[in-house]
Amino acid sequence: MTEQMTVRGTLKGHNGWVTQIATTPQYPDMILSASRDKSIIMWKLTRDETNYGIPQRDNGYMWQIDVLK
């Protein structure tokens, strides 16, 4: 049996290919995406059919990111 996947929406914010996506069960409505444009965006996921995620911007400084596998 094969699983069917359907595109539900697109998160727009990077200016290059997205190379990594990270999630955590502690924050099911948040994801991190890393891109070849040398940026990381934290997304707040929504249930809105017209806007699936809102990029959470900051002052441009990244202090620390811990990603555990």
PDB file of N, CA and C in Angstrom:
ATOM      1  N   MET A   1       0.844  -1.168   0.000  1.00  0.00           N
ATOM      2  CA  MET A   1       0.000   0.000   0.000  1.00  0.00           C
ATOM      3  C   MET A   1       0.901   1.246   0.000  1.00  0.00           C
ATOM      4  N   THR A   2       0.643   2.177  -0.888  1.00  0.00           N
ATOM      5  CA  THR A   2       1.415   3.419  -0.941  1.00  0.00           C
ATOM      6  C   THR A   2       0.597   4.558  -0.344  1.00  0.00           C
ATOM      7  N   GLU A   3       1.306   5.460   0.289  1.00  0.00           N
ATOM      8  CA  GLU A   3       0.655   6.612   0.908  1.00  0.00           C
ATOM      9  C   GLU A   3       0.540   7.737  -0.107  1.00  0.00           C
ATOM     10  N   GLN A   4      -0.620   8.353  -0.195  1.00  0.00           N
ATOM     11  CA  GLN A   4      -0.851   9.482  -1.090  1.00  0.00           C
ATOM     12  C   GLN A   4      -0.565  10.781  -0.349  1.00  0.00           C
ATOM     13  N   MET A   5       0.191  11.662  -0.984  1.00  0.00           N
ATOM     14  CA  MET A   5       0.463  12.978  -0.407  1.00  0.00           C
ATOM     15  C   MET A   5      -0.139  14.042  -1.303  1.00  0.00           C
ATOM     16  N   THR A   6      -0.603  15.117  -0.676  1.00  0.00           N
ATOM     17  CA  THR A   6      -1.215  16.222  -1.398  1.00  0.00           C
ATOM     18  C   THR A   6      -0.586  17.525  -0.933  1.00  0.00           C
ATOM     19  N   VAL A   7      -0.205  18.383  -1.877  1.00  0.00           N
ATOM     20  CA  VAL A   7       0.314  19.705  -1.530  1.00  0.00           C
ATOM     21  C   VAL A   7      -0.841  20.543  -1.003  1.00  0.00           C
ATOM     22  N   ARG A   8      -0.674  21.073   0.201  1.00  0.00           N
ATOM     23  CA  ARG A   8      -1.725  21.889   0.817  1.00  0.00           C
ATOM     24  C   ARG A   8      -1.441  23.375   0.694  1.00  0.00           C
ATOM     25  N   GLY A   9      -0.175  23.733   0.500  1.00  0.00           N
ATOM     26  CA  GLY A   9       0.185  25.138   0.400  1.00  0.00           C
ATOM     27  C   GLY A   9       1.687  25.300   0.278  1.00  0.00           C
ATOM     28  N   THR A  10       2.117  26.520   0.070  1.00  0.00           N
ATOM     29  CA  THR A  10       3.527  26.852  -0.086  1.00  0.00           C
ATOM     30  C   THR A  10       3.892  27.950   0.902  1.00  0.00           C
ATOM     31  N   LEU A  11       5.014  27.768   1.581  1.00  0.00           N
ATOM     32  CA  LEU A  11       5.533  28.798   2.478  1.00  0.00           C
ATOM     33  C   LEU A  11       6.538  29.621   1.690  1.00  0.00           C
ATOM     34  N   LYS A  12       6.266  30.903   1.526  1.00  0.00           N
ATOM     35  CA  LYS A  12       7.132  31.770   0.717  1.00  0.00           C
ATOM     36  C   LYS A  12       7.918  32.701   1.623  1.00  0.00           C
ATOM     37  N   GLY A  13       9.245  32.702   1.459  1.00  0.00           N
ATOM     38  CA  GLY A  13      10.065  33.577   2.280  1.00  0.00           C
ATOM     39  C   GLY A  13      11.546  33.505   1.966  1.00  0.00           C
ATOM     40  N   HIS A  14      12.006  32.373   1.446  1.00  0.00           N
ATOM     41  CA  HIS A  14      13.420  32.217   1.113  1.00  0.00           C
ATOM     42  C   HIS A  14      13.690  32.690  -0.313  1.00  0.00           C
ATOM     43  N   ASN A  15      14.937  33.098  -0.558  1.00  0.00           N
ATOM     44  CA  ASN A  15      15.362  33.490  -1.901  1.00  0.00           C
ATOM     45  C   ASN A  15      16.269  32.447  -2.536  1.00  0.00           C
ATOM     46  N   GLY A  16      16.315  31.262  -1.977  1.00  0.00           N
ATOM     47  CA  GLY A  16      17.117  30.163  -2.509  1.00  0.00           C
ATOM     48  C   GLY A  16      16.439  28.851  -2.183  1.00  0.00           C
ATOM     49  N   TRP A  17      17.049  27.773  -2.629  1.00  0.00           N
ATOM     50  CA  TRP A  17      16.497  26.449  -2.361  1.00  0.00           C
ATOM     51  C   TRP A  17      16.466  26.179  -0.867  1.00  0.00           C
ATOM     52  N   VAL A  18      15.403  25.572  -0.394  1.00  0.00           N
ATOM     53  CA  VAL A  18      15.325  25.133   1.000  1.00  0.00           C
ATOM     54  C   VAL A  18      16.058  23.800   1.091  1.00  0.00           C
ATOM     55  N   THR A  19      17.021  23.733   2.023  1.00  0.00           N
ATOM     56  CA  THR A  19      17.859  22.542   2.138  1.00  0.00           C
ATOM     57  C   THR A  19      17.556  21.711   3.381  1.00  0.00           C
ATOM     58  N   GLN A  20      16.917  22.296   4.384  1.00  0.00           N
ATOM     59  CA  GLN A  20      16.595  21.582   5.619  1.00  0.00           C
ATOM     60  C   GLN A  20      15.276  22.084   6.187  1.00  0.00           C
ATOM     61  N   ILE A  21      14.547  21.173   6.808  1.00  0.00           N
ATOM     62  CA  ILE A  21      13.335  21.521   7.553  1.00  0.00           C
ATOM     63  C   ILE A  21      13.409  20.782   8.881  1.00  0.00           C
ATOM     64  N   ALA A  22      13.103  21.478   9.980  1.00  0.00           N
ATOM     65  CA  ALA A  22      13.133  20.858  11.306  1.00  0.00           C
ATOM     66  C   ALA A  22      11.818  21.130  12.024  1.00  0.00           C
ATOM     67  N   THR A  23      11.355  20.126  12.754  1.00  0.00           N
ATOM     68  CA  THR A  23      10.143  20.243  13.569  1.00  0.00           C
ATOM     69  C   THR A  23      10.432  19.668  14.947  1.00  0.00           C
ATOM     70  N   THR A  24       9.542  19.906  15.869  1.00  0.00           N
ATOM     71  CA  THR A  24       9.648  19.310  17.199  1.00  0.00           C
ATOM     72  C   THR A  24       8.245  19.051  17.739  1.00  0.00           C
ATOM     73  N   PRO A  25       8.053  17.942  18.444  1.00  0.00           N
ATOM     74  CA  PRO A  25       6.729  17.664  19.012  1.00  0.00           C
ATOM     75  C   PRO A  25       6.314  18.674  20.084  1.00  0.00           C
ATOM     76  N   GLN A  26       7.290  19.358  20.705  1.00  0.00           N
ATOM     77  CA  GLN A  26       6.952  20.340  21.736  1.00  0.00           C
ATOM     78  C   GLN A  26       6.224  21.549  21.163  1.00  0.00           C
ATOM     79  N   TYR A  27       6.486  21.881  19.899  1.00  0.00           N
ATOM     80  CA  TYR A  27       5.854  23.027  19.243  1.00  0.00           C
ATOM     81  C   TYR A  27       5.292  22.575  17.892  1.00  0.00           C
ATOM     82  N   PRO A  28       4.164  21.892  17.877  1.00  0.00           N
ATOM     83  CA  PRO A  28       3.644  21.317  16.632  1.00  0.00           C
ATOM     84  C   PRO A  28       3.203  22.348  15.599  1.00  0.00           C
ATOM     85  N   ASP A  29       3.016  23.595  15.999  1.00  0.00           N
ATOM     86  CA  ASP A  29       2.610  24.636  15.051  1.00  0.00           C
ATOM     87  C   ASP A  29       3.785  25.495  14.592  1.00  0.00           C
ATOM     88  N   MET A  30       5.026  25.017  14.806  1.00  0.00           N
ATOM     89  CA  MET A  30       6.221  25.752  14.377  1.00  0.00           C
ATOM     90  C   MET A  30       7.136  24.826  13.580  1.00  0.00           C
ATOM     91  N   ILE A  31       7.763  25.367  12.542  1.00  0.00           N
ATOM     92  CA  ILE A  31       8.827  24.657  11.842  1.00  0.00           C
ATOM     93  C   ILE A  31       9.951  25.645  11.550  1.00  0.00           C
ATOM     94  N   LEU A  32      11.159  25.113  11.383  1.00  0.00           N
ATOM     95  CA  LEU A  32      12.309  25.899  10.950  1.00  0.00           C
ATOM     96  C   LEU A  32      12.681  25.445   9.553  1.00  0.00           C
ATOM     97  N   SER A  33      13.030  26.393   8.699  1.00  0.00           N
ATOM     98  CA  SER A  33      13.530  26.047   7.371  1.00  0.00           C
ATOM     99  C   SER A  33      14.851  26.770   7.145  1.00  0.00           C
ATOM    100  N   ALA A  34      15.814  26.052   6.554  1.00  0.00           N
ATOM    101  CA  ALA A  34      17.124  26.621   6.230  1.00  0.00           C
ATOM    102  C   ALA A  34      17.281  26.589   4.719  1.00  0.00           C
ATOM    103  N   SER A  35      17.965  27.610   4.194  1.00  0.00           N
ATOM    104  CA  SER A  35      18.032  27.772   2.747  1.00  0.00           C
ATOM    105  C   SER A  35      19.454  28.055   2.286  1.00  0.00           C
ATOM    106  N   ARG A  36      19.682  27.855   0.988  1.00  0.00           N
ATOM    107  CA  ARG A  36      20.948  28.236   0.371  1.00  0.00           C
ATOM    108  C   ARG A  36      21.136  29.742   0.352  1.00  0.00           C
ATOM    109  N   ASP A  37      20.098  30.502   0.650  1.00  0.00           N
ATOM    110  CA  ASP A  37      20.249  31.960   0.734  1.00  0.00           C
ATOM    111  C   ASP A  37      20.858  32.386   2.077  1.00  0.00           C
ATOM    112  N   LYS A  38      21.322  31.389   2.855  1.00  0.00           N
ATOM    113  CA  LYS A  38      22.002  31.600   4.143  1.00  0.00           C
ATOM    114  C   LYS A  38      21.079  32.169   5.210  1.00  0.00           C
ATOM    115  N   SER A  39      19.809  31.803   5.148  1.00  0.00           N
ATOM    116  CA  SER A  39      18.872  32.261   6.169  1.00  0.00           C
ATOM    117  C   SER A  39      18.117  31.079   6.761  1.00  0.00           C
ATOM    118  N   ILE A  40      17.658  31.278   7.978  1.00  0.00           N
ATOM    119  CA  ILE A  40      16.788  30.325   8.662  1.00  0.00           C
ATOM    120  C   ILE A  40      15.520  31.081   9.019  1.00  0.00           C
ATOM    121  N   ILE A  41      14.382  30.493   8.702  1.00  0.00           N
ATOM    122  CA  ILE A  41      13.101  31.124   9.025  1.00  0.00           C
ATOM    123  C   ILE A  41      12.328  30.201   9.962  1.00  0.00           C
ATOM    124  N   MET A  42      11.806  30.783  11.028  1.00  0.00           N
ATOM    125  CA  MET A  42      10.891  30.067  11.900  1.00  0.00           C
ATOM    126  C   MET A  42       9.479  30.422  11.438  1.00  0.00           C
ATOM    127  N   TRP A  43       8.667  29.405  11.175  1.00  0.00           N
ATOM    128  CA  TRP A  43       7.319  29.588  10.655  1.00  0.00           C
ATOM    129  C   TRP A  43       6.296  29.228  11.716  1.00  0.00           C
ATOM    130  N   LYS A  44       5.311  30.074  11.900  1.00  0.00           N
ATOM    131  CA  LYS A  44       4.145  29.753  12.731  1.00  0.00           C
ATOM    132  C   LYS A  44       3.072  29.252  11.773  1.00  0.00           C
ATOM    133  N   LEU A  45       2.763  27.962  11.869  1.00  0.00           N
ATOM    134  CA  LEU A  45       1.779  27.361  10.974  1.00  0.00           C
ATOM    135  C   LEU A  45       0.375  27.774  11.382  1.00  0.00           C
ATOM    136  N   THR A  46      -0.479  27.944  10.387  1.00  0.00           N
ATOM    137  CA  THR A  46      -1.859  28.354  10.626  1.00  0.00           C
ATOM    138  C   THR A  46      -2.804  27.324  10.025  1.00  0.00           C
ATOM    139  N   ARG A  47      -4.042  27.462  10.295  1.00  0.00           N
ATOM    140  CA  ARG A  47      -5.072  26.604   9.691  1.00  0.00           C
ATOM    141  C   ARG A  47      -5.775  27.335   8.548  1.00  0.00           C
ATOM    142  N   ASP A  48      -5.291  28.517   8.218  1.00  0.00           N
ATOM    143  CA  ASP A  48      -5.883  29.356   7.178  1.00  0.00           C
ATOM    144  C   ASP A  48      -5.607  28.748   5.801  1.00  0.00           C
ATOM    145  N   GLU A  49      -6.625  28.560   5.005  1.00  0.00           N
ATOM    146  CA  GLU A  49      -6.487  27.959   3.673  1.00  0.00           C
ATOM    147  C   GLU A  49      -5.726  28.846   2.696  1.00  0.00           C
ATOM    148  N   THR A  50      -5.639  30.151   2.966  1.00  0.00           N
ATOM    149  CA  THR A  50      -4.953  31.056   2.040  1.00  0.00           C
ATOM    150  C   THR A  50      -3.532  31.393   2.486  1.00  0.00           C
ATOM    151  N   ASN A  51      -3.186  31.111   3.743  1.00  0.00           N
ATOM    152  CA  ASN A  51      -1.854  31.418   4.254  1.00  0.00           C
ATOM    153  C   ASN A  51      -1.471  30.329   5.254  1.00  0.00           C
ATOM    154  N   TYR A  52      -0.671  29.379   4.818  1.00  0.00           N
ATOM    155  CA  TYR A  52      -0.383  28.204   5.640  1.00  0.00           C
ATOM    156  C   TYR A  52       0.652  28.440   6.725  1.00  0.00           C
ATOM    157  N   GLY A  53       1.442  29.524   6.586  1.00  0.00           N
ATOM    158  CA  GLY A  53       2.448  29.804   7.598  1.00  0.00           C
ATOM    159  C   GLY A  53       2.866  31.256   7.579  1.00  0.00           C
ATOM    160  N   ILE A  54       3.194  31.773   8.748  1.00  0.00           N
ATOM    161  CA  ILE A  54       3.624  33.163   8.879  1.00  0.00           C
ATOM    162  C   ILE A  54       5.082  33.156   9.320  1.00  0.00           C
ATOM    163  N   PRO A  55       5.976  33.779   8.532  1.00  0.00           N
ATOM    164  CA  PRO A  55       7.380  33.820   8.960  1.00  0.00           C
ATOM    165  C   PRO A  55       7.541  34.707  10.185  1.00  0.00           C
ATOM    166  N   GLN A  56       8.254  34.202  11.171  1.00  0.00           N
ATOM    167  CA  GLN A  56       8.508  34.953  12.398  1.00  0.00           C
ATOM    168  C   GLN A  56       9.867  35.625  12.255  1.00  0.00           C
ATOM    169  N   ARG A  57       9.876  36.912  12.022  1.00  0.00           N
ATOM    170  CA  ARG A  57      11.120  37.660  11.799  1.00  0.00           C
ATOM    171  C   ARG A  57      11.625  38.231  13.117  1.00  0.00           C
ATOM    172  N   ASP A  58      12.935  38.470  13.144  1.00  0.00           N
ATOM    173  CA  ASP A  58      13.532  39.096  14.314  1.00  0.00           C
ATOM    174  C   ASP A  58      14.411  40.256  13.870  1.00  0.00           C
ATOM    175  N   ASN A  59      15.350  40.637  14.694  1.00  0.00           N
ATOM    176  CA  ASN A  59      16.201  41.780  14.389  1.00  0.00           C
ATOM    177  C   ASN A  59      17.375  41.437  13.477  1.00  0.00           C
ATOM    178  N   GLY A  60      17.418  40.210  12.961  1.00  0.00           N
ATOM    179  CA  GLY A  60      18.480  39.820  12.048  1.00  0.00           C
ATOM    180  C   GLY A  60      19.622  39.062  12.701  1.00  0.00           C
ATOM    181  N   TYR A  61      19.597  38.913  14.025  1.00  0.00           N
ATOM    182  CA  TYR A  61      20.663  38.206  14.724  1.00  0.00           C
ATOM    183  C   TYR A  61      20.139  36.865  15.221  1.00  0.00           C
ATOM    184  N   MET A  62      20.900  35.817  14.959  1.00  0.00           N
ATOM    185  CA  MET A  62      20.551  34.487  15.434  1.00  0.00           C
ATOM    186  C   MET A  62      21.518  34.150  16.559  1.00  0.00           C
ATOM    187  N   TRP A  63      21.009  33.952  17.757  1.00  0.00           N
ATOM    188  CA  TRP A  63      21.880  33.688  18.892  1.00  0.00           C
ATOM    189  C   TRP A  63      22.199  32.212  19.034  1.00  0.00           C
ATOM    190  N   GLN A  64      21.219  31.348  18.903  1.00  0.00           N
ATOM    191  CA  GLN A  64      21.475  29.925  19.089  1.00  0.00           C
ATOM    192  C   GLN A  64      20.318  29.131  18.518  1.00  0.00           C
ATOM    193  N   ILE A  65      20.678  28.033  17.877  1.00  0.00           N
ATOM    194  CA  ILE A  65      19.674  27.078  17.411  1.00  0.00           C
ATOM    195  C   ILE A  65      20.145  25.698  17.831  1.00  0.00           C
ATOM    196  N   ASP A  66      19.313  24.960  18.515  1.00  0.00           N
ATOM    197  CA  ASP A  66      19.609  23.588  18.895  1.00  0.00           C
ATOM    198  C   ASP A  66      18.642  22.686  18.160  1.00  0.00           C
ATOM    199  N   VAL A  67      19.174  21.813  17.341  1.00  0.00           N
ATOM    200  CA  VAL A  67      18.352  20.844  16.629  1.00  0.00           C
ATOM    201  C   VAL A  67      18.851  19.468  17.025  1.00  0.00           C
ATOM    202  N   LEU A  68      18.001  18.691  17.635  1.00  0.00           N
ATOM    203  CA  LEU A  68      18.365  17.352  18.079  1.00  0.00           C
ATOM    204  C   LEU A  68      17.737  16.327  17.173  1.00  0.00           C
ATOM    205  N   LYS A  69      18.501  15.323  16.862  1.00  0.00           N
ATOM    206  CA  LYS A  69      18.012  14.279  15.975  1.00  0.00           C
ATOM    207  C   LYS A  69      17.678  13.044  16.768  1.00  0.00           C
TER     208      LYS A  69
END
